[in-house]
Protein backbone atom coordinates (compact mmCIF):
# COMPACT_ATOMS: atom_id res chain seq x y z
CA UNK A 1 59.16 -61.52 -41.82
CA UNK A 2 62.04 -60.71 -44.18
CA UNK A 3 60.61 -64.11 -45.78
CA UNK A 4 56.93 -62.60 -45.94
CA UNK A 5 58.45 -59.50 -47.26
CA UNK A 6 60.58 -61.37 -50.20
CA UNK A 7 57.11 -62.89 -51.58
CA UNK A 8 54.84 -59.37 -50.84
CA UNK A 9 57.13 -56.48 -52.19
CA UNK A 10 55.79 -54.77 -55.06
CA UNK A 11 52.90 -57.06 -55.33
CA UNK A 12 50.15 -56.68 -52.74
CA UNK A 13 52.17 -54.06 -50.91
CA UNK A 14 55.03 -51.59 -51.35
CA UNK A 15 57.36 -51.36 -48.10
CA UNK A 16 59.11 -49.19 -46.45
CA UNK A 17 61.25 -49.90 -43.54
CA UNK A 18 62.06 -47.85 -40.29
CA UNK A 19 65.15 -49.72 -38.87
CA UNK A 20 68.85 -49.14 -37.53
CA UNK A 21 71.28 -47.38 -39.95
CA UNK A 22 74.64 -49.39 -40.86
CA UNK A 23 72.51 -52.68 -39.56
CA UNK A 24 72.34 -56.35 -40.79
CA UNK A 25 68.56 -55.66 -40.91
CA UNK A 26 69.13 -52.66 -43.17
CA UNK A 27 71.21 -54.93 -45.19
CA UNK A 28 69.11 -57.76 -45.97
CA UNK A 29 65.85 -55.22 -46.39
CA UNK A 30 67.71 -53.44 -49.18
CA UNK A 31 68.55 -56.55 -50.63
CA UNK A 32 64.51 -57.18 -51.38
CA UNK A 33 64.54 -54.05 -52.76
CA UNK A 34 62.71 -52.33 -49.51
CA UNK A 35 63.91 -48.57 -48.99
CA UNK A 36 65.03 -48.19 -45.48
CA UNK A 37 65.01 -44.83 -43.09
CA UNK A 38 67.28 -44.40 -40.48
CA UNK A 39 66.10 -44.72 -36.95
CA UNK A 40 68.38 -44.62 -34.24
CA UNK A 41 66.81 -45.97 -31.14
CA UNK A 42 69.69 -45.52 -28.15
CA UNK A 43 72.06 -42.84 -27.96
CA UNK A 44 75.54 -42.92 -27.98
CA UNK A 45 75.89 -44.75 -24.52
CA UNK A 46 73.49 -47.45 -25.65
CA UNK A 47 71.26 -45.68 -23.50
CA UNK A 48 67.22 -46.21 -25.26
CA UNK A 49 66.06 -42.87 -26.33
CA UNK A 50 62.97 -41.48 -25.62
CA UNK A 51 59.35 -42.20 -26.87
CA UNK A 52 59.46 -38.36 -28.02
CA UNK A 53 63.03 -38.56 -29.39
CA UNK A 54 61.98 -41.72 -31.57
CA UNK A 55 58.68 -39.87 -32.74
CA UNK A 56 60.67 -37.00 -34.34
CA UNK A 57 62.18 -39.54 -36.28
CA UNK A 58 59.58 -41.50 -37.56
CA UNK A 59 56.51 -38.87 -37.69
CA UNK A 60 57.53 -36.58 -40.52
CA UNK A 61 58.57 -39.16 -42.71
CA UNK A 62 55.36 -41.02 -42.47
CA UNK A 63 53.81 -38.01 -42.82
CA UNK A 64 55.48 -36.89 -46.46
CA UNK A 65 55.40 -40.39 -48.06
CA UNK A 66 51.56 -40.93 -48.35
CA UNK A 67 51.93 -44.25 -46.27
CA UNK A 68 48.51 -46.38 -45.49
CA UNK A 69 49.81 -48.28 -42.13
CA UNK A 70 52.70 -48.68 -39.85
CA UNK A 71 53.69 -51.89 -38.47
CA UNK A 72 55.57 -52.95 -36.04
CA UNK A 73 57.49 -56.30 -35.78
CA UNK A 74 58.11 -57.21 -32.24
CA UNK A 75 56.28 -56.60 -29.37
CA UNK A 76 59.00 -53.97 -27.91
CA UNK A 77 58.22 -52.07 -31.11
CA UNK A 78 54.71 -52.70 -30.72
CA UNK A 79 54.33 -51.31 -27.12
CA UNK A 80 55.90 -48.26 -29.33
CA UNK A 81 53.42 -47.38 -31.74
CA UNK A 82 50.66 -47.81 -29.36
CA UNK A 83 52.15 -45.56 -27.01
CA UNK A 84 52.92 -43.08 -30.50
CA UNK A 85 49.12 -44.34 -32.07
CA UNK A 86 47.32 -41.18 -31.09
CA UNK A 87 49.72 -39.23 -33.04
CA UNK A 88 50.16 -41.20 -35.91
CA UNK A 89 48.54 -40.08 -39.05
CA UNK A 90 47.88 -43.74 -40.22
CA UNK A 91 46.56 -46.83 -38.08
CA UNK A 92 48.99 -48.75 -36.05
CA UNK A 93 49.56 -52.64 -36.01
CA UNK A 94 51.86 -54.94 -34.42
CA UNK A 95 53.39 -58.57 -33.63
CA UNK A 96 53.57 -60.28 -30.83
CA UNK A 97 56.24 -62.97 -30.82
CA UNK A 98 56.80 -63.62 -27.19
CA UNK A 99 55.35 -64.83 -24.27
CA UNK A 100 56.59 -62.64 -21.64
CA UNK A 101 54.80 -61.24 -18.47
CA UNK A 102 54.38 -57.89 -19.10
CA UNK A 103 53.41 -54.63 -16.79
CA UNK A 104 49.81 -52.67 -16.87
CA UNK A 105 51.47 -50.09 -18.92
CA UNK A 106 53.19 -52.27 -21.95
CA UNK A 107 49.49 -54.16 -21.59
CA UNK A 108 48.03 -50.33 -22.24
CA UNK A 109 50.47 -49.25 -24.79
CA UNK A 110 49.95 -52.44 -26.66
CA UNK A 111 45.70 -51.72 -26.63
CA UNK A 112 46.64 -48.62 -28.19
CA UNK A 113 47.19 -50.25 -31.76
CA UNK A 114 44.44 -50.77 -34.08
CA UNK A 115 45.48 -54.63 -34.22
CA UNK A 116 48.06 -57.23 -33.11
CA UNK A 117 49.27 -60.37 -34.65
CA UNK A 118 50.05 -63.13 -32.54
CA UNK A 119 52.53 -65.76 -34.01
CA UNK A 120 50.39 -68.37 -32.24
CA UNK A 121 46.74 -68.99 -30.27
CA UNK A 122 49.29 -69.99 -27.02
CA UNK A 123 50.71 -66.25 -27.60
CA UNK A 124 47.71 -64.87 -28.07
CA UNK A 125 46.20 -66.25 -24.73
CA UNK A 126 48.63 -65.22 -22.94
CA UNK A 127 48.69 -62.05 -23.12
CA UNK A 128 44.99 -61.55 -22.99
CA UNK A 129 44.93 -63.19 -20.00
CA UNK A 130 46.89 -60.70 -18.57
CA UNK A 131 44.54 -57.38 -19.73
CA UNK A 132 45.20 -57.38 -23.86
CA UNK A 133 41.74 -56.49 -25.32
CA UNK A 134 40.98 -59.91 -27.23
CA UNK A 135 39.34 -57.70 -30.16
CA UNK A 136 42.50 -56.38 -31.35
CA UNK A 137 44.65 -59.70 -31.31
CA UNK A 138 44.28 -62.54 -34.26
CA UNK A 139 46.57 -65.20 -34.37
CA UNK A 140 48.57 -65.48 -38.03
CA UNK A 141 51.46 -68.11 -37.89
CA UNK A 142 54.84 -68.17 -39.08
CA UNK A 143 55.97 -69.81 -42.28
CA UNK A 144 59.29 -70.89 -43.91
CA UNK A 145 60.34 -71.42 -47.44
CA UNK A 146 60.10 -74.60 -48.14
CA UNK A 147 62.02 -74.31 -50.66
CA UNK A 148 65.31 -74.14 -48.80
CA UNK A 149 64.39 -76.12 -45.85
CA UNK A 150 63.36 -79.69 -47.55
CA UNK A 151 64.28 -83.11 -46.63
CA UNK A 152 67.27 -84.26 -48.96
CA UNK A 153 69.86 -87.20 -47.97
CA UNK A 154 72.62 -86.67 -45.38
CA UNK A 155 75.98 -86.32 -47.38
CA UNK A 156 78.26 -86.87 -44.26
CA UNK A 157 80.04 -83.51 -44.65
CA UNK A 158 78.68 -82.46 -41.27
CA UNK A 159 80.55 -85.57 -39.73
CA UNK A 160 83.64 -84.88 -41.88
CA UNK A 161 83.74 -81.02 -40.59
CA UNK A 162 83.06 -81.96 -36.93
CA UNK A 163 85.90 -85.34 -37.67
CA UNK A 164 83.34 -87.94 -36.42
CA UNK A 165 83.34 -91.09 -38.25
CA UNK A 166 79.95 -92.50 -40.11
CA UNK A 167 78.40 -94.14 -37.17
CA UNK A 168 77.97 -91.70 -34.81
CA UNK A 169 74.38 -90.15 -34.29
CA UNK A 170 74.29 -86.32 -34.54
CA UNK A 171 71.40 -84.60 -31.83
CA UNK A 172 70.95 -80.91 -32.73
CA UNK A 173 69.72 -78.23 -30.57
CA UNK A 174 68.89 -74.71 -32.06
CA UNK A 175 68.38 -70.96 -30.03
CA UNK A 176 69.82 -68.61 -28.21
CA UNK A 177 72.10 -69.65 -25.29
CA UNK A 178 70.13 -69.09 -21.97
CA UNK A 179 67.98 -70.57 -19.49
CA UNK A 180 64.83 -70.33 -21.65
CA UNK A 181 65.60 -72.30 -24.49
CA UNK A 182 66.99 -74.86 -21.72
CA UNK A 183 70.01 -76.12 -22.94
CA UNK A 184 70.70 -76.99 -19.46
CA UNK A 185 68.24 -79.39 -19.52
CA UNK A 186 69.49 -80.84 -22.62
CA UNK A 187 72.75 -81.37 -20.71
CA UNK A 188 71.35 -83.49 -17.84
CA UNK A 189 69.43 -85.85 -20.87
CA UNK A 190 72.87 -86.17 -22.09
CA UNK A 191 74.15 -87.42 -18.80
CA UNK A 192 71.42 -89.51 -18.40
CA UNK A 193 71.84 -91.49 -21.91
CA UNK A 194 75.43 -91.67 -20.92
CA UNK A 195 74.75 -93.63 -18.09
CA UNK A 196 72.71 -95.83 -19.94
CA UNK A 197 75.70 -96.66 -22.20
CA UNK A 198 74.72 -94.34 -25.33
CA UNK A 199 78.36 -93.43 -26.76
CA UNK A 200 77.23 -92.96 -29.93
CA UNK A 201 75.08 -89.63 -29.65
CA UNK A 202 77.02 -86.37 -30.33
CA UNK A 203 75.38 -83.29 -29.41
CA UNK A 204 75.43 -79.83 -31.76
CA UNK A 205 74.69 -76.82 -30.03
CA UNK A 206 73.92 -74.03 -32.81
CA UNK A 207 73.29 -70.18 -31.21
CA UNK A 208 75.27 -67.76 -29.27
CA UNK A 209 74.72 -66.24 -25.80
CA UNK A 210 73.95 -62.32 -26.09
CA UNK A 211 73.25 -61.33 -21.94
CA UNK A 212 75.90 -60.24 -20.64
CA UNK A 213 74.53 -60.84 -17.29
CA UNK A 214 76.89 -63.00 -15.05
CA UNK A 215 73.69 -65.29 -14.48
CA UNK A 216 73.82 -65.77 -18.20
CA UNK A 217 77.85 -66.35 -18.19
CA UNK A 218 77.86 -68.96 -15.49
CA UNK A 219 74.60 -70.52 -17.12
CA UNK A 220 76.59 -70.76 -20.82
CA UNK A 221 79.86 -72.09 -18.85
CA UNK A 222 77.81 -74.49 -16.55
CA UNK A 223 76.92 -76.64 -19.83
CA UNK A 224 81.04 -76.81 -20.92
CA UNK A 225 81.50 -78.21 -17.51
CA UNK A 226 78.32 -80.74 -18.19
CA UNK A 227 79.55 -81.96 -21.05
CA UNK A 228 83.03 -82.68 -19.53
CA UNK A 229 81.37 -85.14 -16.99
CA UNK A 230 82.27 -88.99 -17.32
CA UNK A 231 80.98 -90.59 -20.64
CA UNK A 232 80.39 -86.95 -22.50
CA UNK A 233 83.95 -85.62 -23.32
CA UNK A 234 84.06 -84.34 -26.71
CA UNK A 235 80.75 -85.09 -27.65
CA UNK A 236 79.12 -81.40 -27.70
CA UNK A 237 80.39 -79.55 -30.51
CA UNK A 238 79.30 -76.02 -30.37
CA UNK A 239 78.77 -74.57 -33.87
CA UNK A 240 77.89 -70.86 -32.79
CA UNK A 241 76.12 -68.80 -35.44
CA UNK A 242 75.33 -70.81 -38.71
CA UNK A 243 73.84 -69.51 -42.16
CA UNK A 244 73.50 -73.25 -43.08
CA UNK A 245 70.62 -74.18 -41.42
CA UNK A 246 69.21 -76.04 -43.69
CA UNK A 247 72.62 -77.81 -44.40
CA UNK A 248 72.81 -79.13 -40.51
CA UNK A 249 68.97 -79.76 -40.54
CA UNK A 250 69.63 -82.79 -43.20
CA UNK A 251 72.88 -83.81 -41.83
CA UNK A 252 71.44 -83.85 -38.06
CA UNK A 253 69.33 -87.43 -37.34
CA UNK A 254 67.51 -85.76 -34.80
CA UNK A 255 66.34 -82.20 -33.23
CA UNK A 256 66.11 -81.40 -29.78
CA UNK A 257 64.29 -78.59 -28.26
CA UNK A 258 64.30 -78.36 -24.64
CA UNK A 259 62.82 -74.75 -24.43
CA UNK A 260 61.04 -73.67 -21.45
CA UNK A 261 58.89 -71.11 -22.94
CA UNK A 262 58.07 -71.05 -26.52
CA UNK A 263 55.86 -68.92 -28.72
CA UNK A 264 56.12 -70.26 -31.91
CA UNK A 265 59.53 -72.43 -32.73
CA UNK A 266 61.15 -71.19 -35.65
CA UNK A 267 62.85 -74.09 -35.86
CA UNK A 268 60.82 -76.58 -35.50
CA UNK A 269 59.31 -75.27 -38.06
CA UNK A 270 62.16 -75.36 -40.09
CA UNK A 271 63.10 -79.07 -38.95
CA UNK A 272 59.28 -80.45 -40.16
CA UNK A 273 59.67 -78.59 -43.32
CA UNK A 274 62.98 -81.02 -43.85
CA UNK A 275 61.76 -83.71 -42.74
CA UNK A 276 64.03 -83.95 -39.25
CA UNK A 277 61.81 -85.53 -36.33
CA UNK A 278 61.48 -83.85 -33.38
CA UNK A 279 61.86 -84.65 -29.55
CA UNK A 280 60.61 -80.99 -27.67
CA UNK A 281 58.81 -79.36 -24.72
CA UNK A 282 55.07 -79.05 -25.16
CA UNK A 283 55.82 -75.45 -24.29
CA UNK A 284 54.16 -72.70 -25.50
CA UNK A 285 52.43 -72.81 -29.28
CA UNK A 286 54.40 -75.96 -29.91
CA UNK A 287 51.64 -78.23 -29.69
CA UNK A 288 49.93 -76.36 -32.40
CA UNK A 289 53.00 -77.33 -34.87
CA UNK A 290 53.55 -80.65 -33.84
CA UNK A 291 51.31 -83.67 -31.80
CA UNK A 292 52.45 -85.86 -29.38
CA UNK A 293 53.14 -89.69 -30.59
CA UNK A 294 51.72 -88.29 -34.17
CA UNK A 295 54.33 -86.43 -35.31
CA UNK A 296 56.72 -85.28 -32.45
CA UNK A 297 57.35 -86.75 -29.33
CA UNK A 298 56.81 -83.79 -26.48
CA UNK A 299 57.28 -83.72 -22.75
CA UNK A 300 57.33 -81.29 -19.94
CA UNK A 301 59.25 -78.76 -19.69
CA UNK A 302 62.49 -79.21 -17.76
CA UNK A 303 61.43 -82.97 -17.17
CA UNK A 304 65.31 -84.15 -18.03
CA UNK A 305 64.90 -87.84 -17.61
CA UNK A 306 61.71 -87.85 -19.91
CA UNK A 307 63.06 -86.10 -22.63
CA UNK A 308 66.30 -88.61 -22.44
CA UNK A 309 63.72 -91.43 -22.67
CA UNK A 310 62.05 -89.65 -25.77
CA UNK A 311 65.11 -88.88 -27.48
CA UNK A 312 66.45 -92.29 -27.21
CA UNK A 313 62.94 -94.27 -28.32
CA UNK A 314 63.46 -91.94 -31.66
CA UNK A 315 67.35 -92.35 -32.11
CA UNK A 316 66.79 -96.19 -31.61
CA UNK A 317 63.72 -96.63 -34.12
CA UNK A 318 64.21 -95.84 -37.46
CA UNK A 319 60.31 -96.95 -38.10
CA UNK A 320 59.43 -94.36 -35.76
CA UNK A 321 61.83 -91.73 -36.69
CA UNK A 322 60.31 -91.85 -39.87
CA UNK A 323 56.69 -91.95 -38.53
CA UNK A 324 57.03 -88.79 -36.71
CA UNK A 325 58.95 -86.95 -39.81
CA UNK A 326 56.26 -87.60 -42.68
CA UNK A 327 53.19 -86.71 -40.18
CA UNK A 328 55.24 -83.14 -39.33
CA UNK A 329 56.64 -82.86 -43.23
CA UNK A 330 52.78 -83.07 -44.13
CA UNK A 331 51.46 -80.56 -40.81
CA UNK A 332 54.55 -78.18 -42.83
CA UNK A 333 52.90 -78.53 -46.28
CA UNK A 334 49.10 -77.87 -45.09
CA UNK A 335 49.85 -74.79 -42.35
CA UNK A 336 53.53 -73.33 -42.30
CA UNK A 337 54.77 -72.22 -45.70
CA UNK A 338 56.45 -69.07 -46.24
CA UNK A 339 53.46 -68.42 -48.90
CA UNK A 340 50.67 -69.35 -46.81
CA UNK A 341 52.30 -67.17 -44.00
CA UNK A 342 52.46 -64.23 -46.54
CA UNK A 343 48.59 -64.54 -47.11
CA UNK A 344 47.67 -64.63 -43.61
CA UNK A 345 49.60 -61.40 -43.50
CA UNK A 346 48.04 -59.79 -46.41
CA UNK A 347 44.69 -60.55 -45.10
CA UNK A 348 45.25 -58.80 -41.92
CA UNK A 349 46.97 -55.70 -43.32
CA UNK A 350 44.31 -55.27 -46.03
CA UNK A 351 41.57 -55.15 -42.93
CA UNK A 352 43.57 -52.67 -41.45
CA UNK A 353 43.59 -50.40 -44.66
CA UNK A 354 40.46 -50.95 -46.42
């Protein structure tokens, strides 16, 4: 959304944002010249405020600001705008960026928005199958900044940063640490590759664990334990949160995305724009980005054996790697630039504002 707003602010639209005060989001929005109204969604004890308490913060500003539309940028916020739609003096729309099972009450709230934008057909179809009004939902693919993410020769700087020799291969995985992103399947695939004699591949894990649930903590710790097995010691590099993803994409040899659920993977869009070959699961909207054996190699979620086989194919066959990356790069230019995403959202919003 930030990439889209950067292209549209002061041109097709003038934006104002409602967001938590003194947040990273507020800082990023203000850098784009977007005015922010602070809204508290939680109390001092981190308990979520009631809808009525949030409405009291939103509605007076909207009534006094001559706005034309209120757009919610997430599923949870879209549920909120739907619940408050009858009280709002402007039409409400929202974004569906997740594939998760929702209650009937949640579906009912979402259906009160005038329109909804889903990031993929898979996301749209999933929620429609559970009761969302299909007439209210249109697909608006995300895009990436193809000036920031583009093919560049590897410099070797990342290997130097990690103290690795020039002949190792770097397998990159990016995502929040947790079961939905399938890093445990990656660990099992790495073990299988090591058993088959692969000692050159090192694994870069970018992302953090946000959940404080014990099962999430256990999952996180199990990843470290998995890479302490014979043949894998010292080959997992946890990079945590990084802002230089474009640099990592250009330094790596392969992106592996073992997700169990994926509405429309941003990391996949960034990889194809960077010319980085991909091995991924065919979960959710992934097949709307890349096609198996044409622009990536895809496997079913949870299948570590097949994941290892396809990783090995790409890492050991430079011709295949280049062919997949070139086809994906073409797909990126045709469908997934931030400029195209901005055009799609412009049409979506203009259909609501006349």
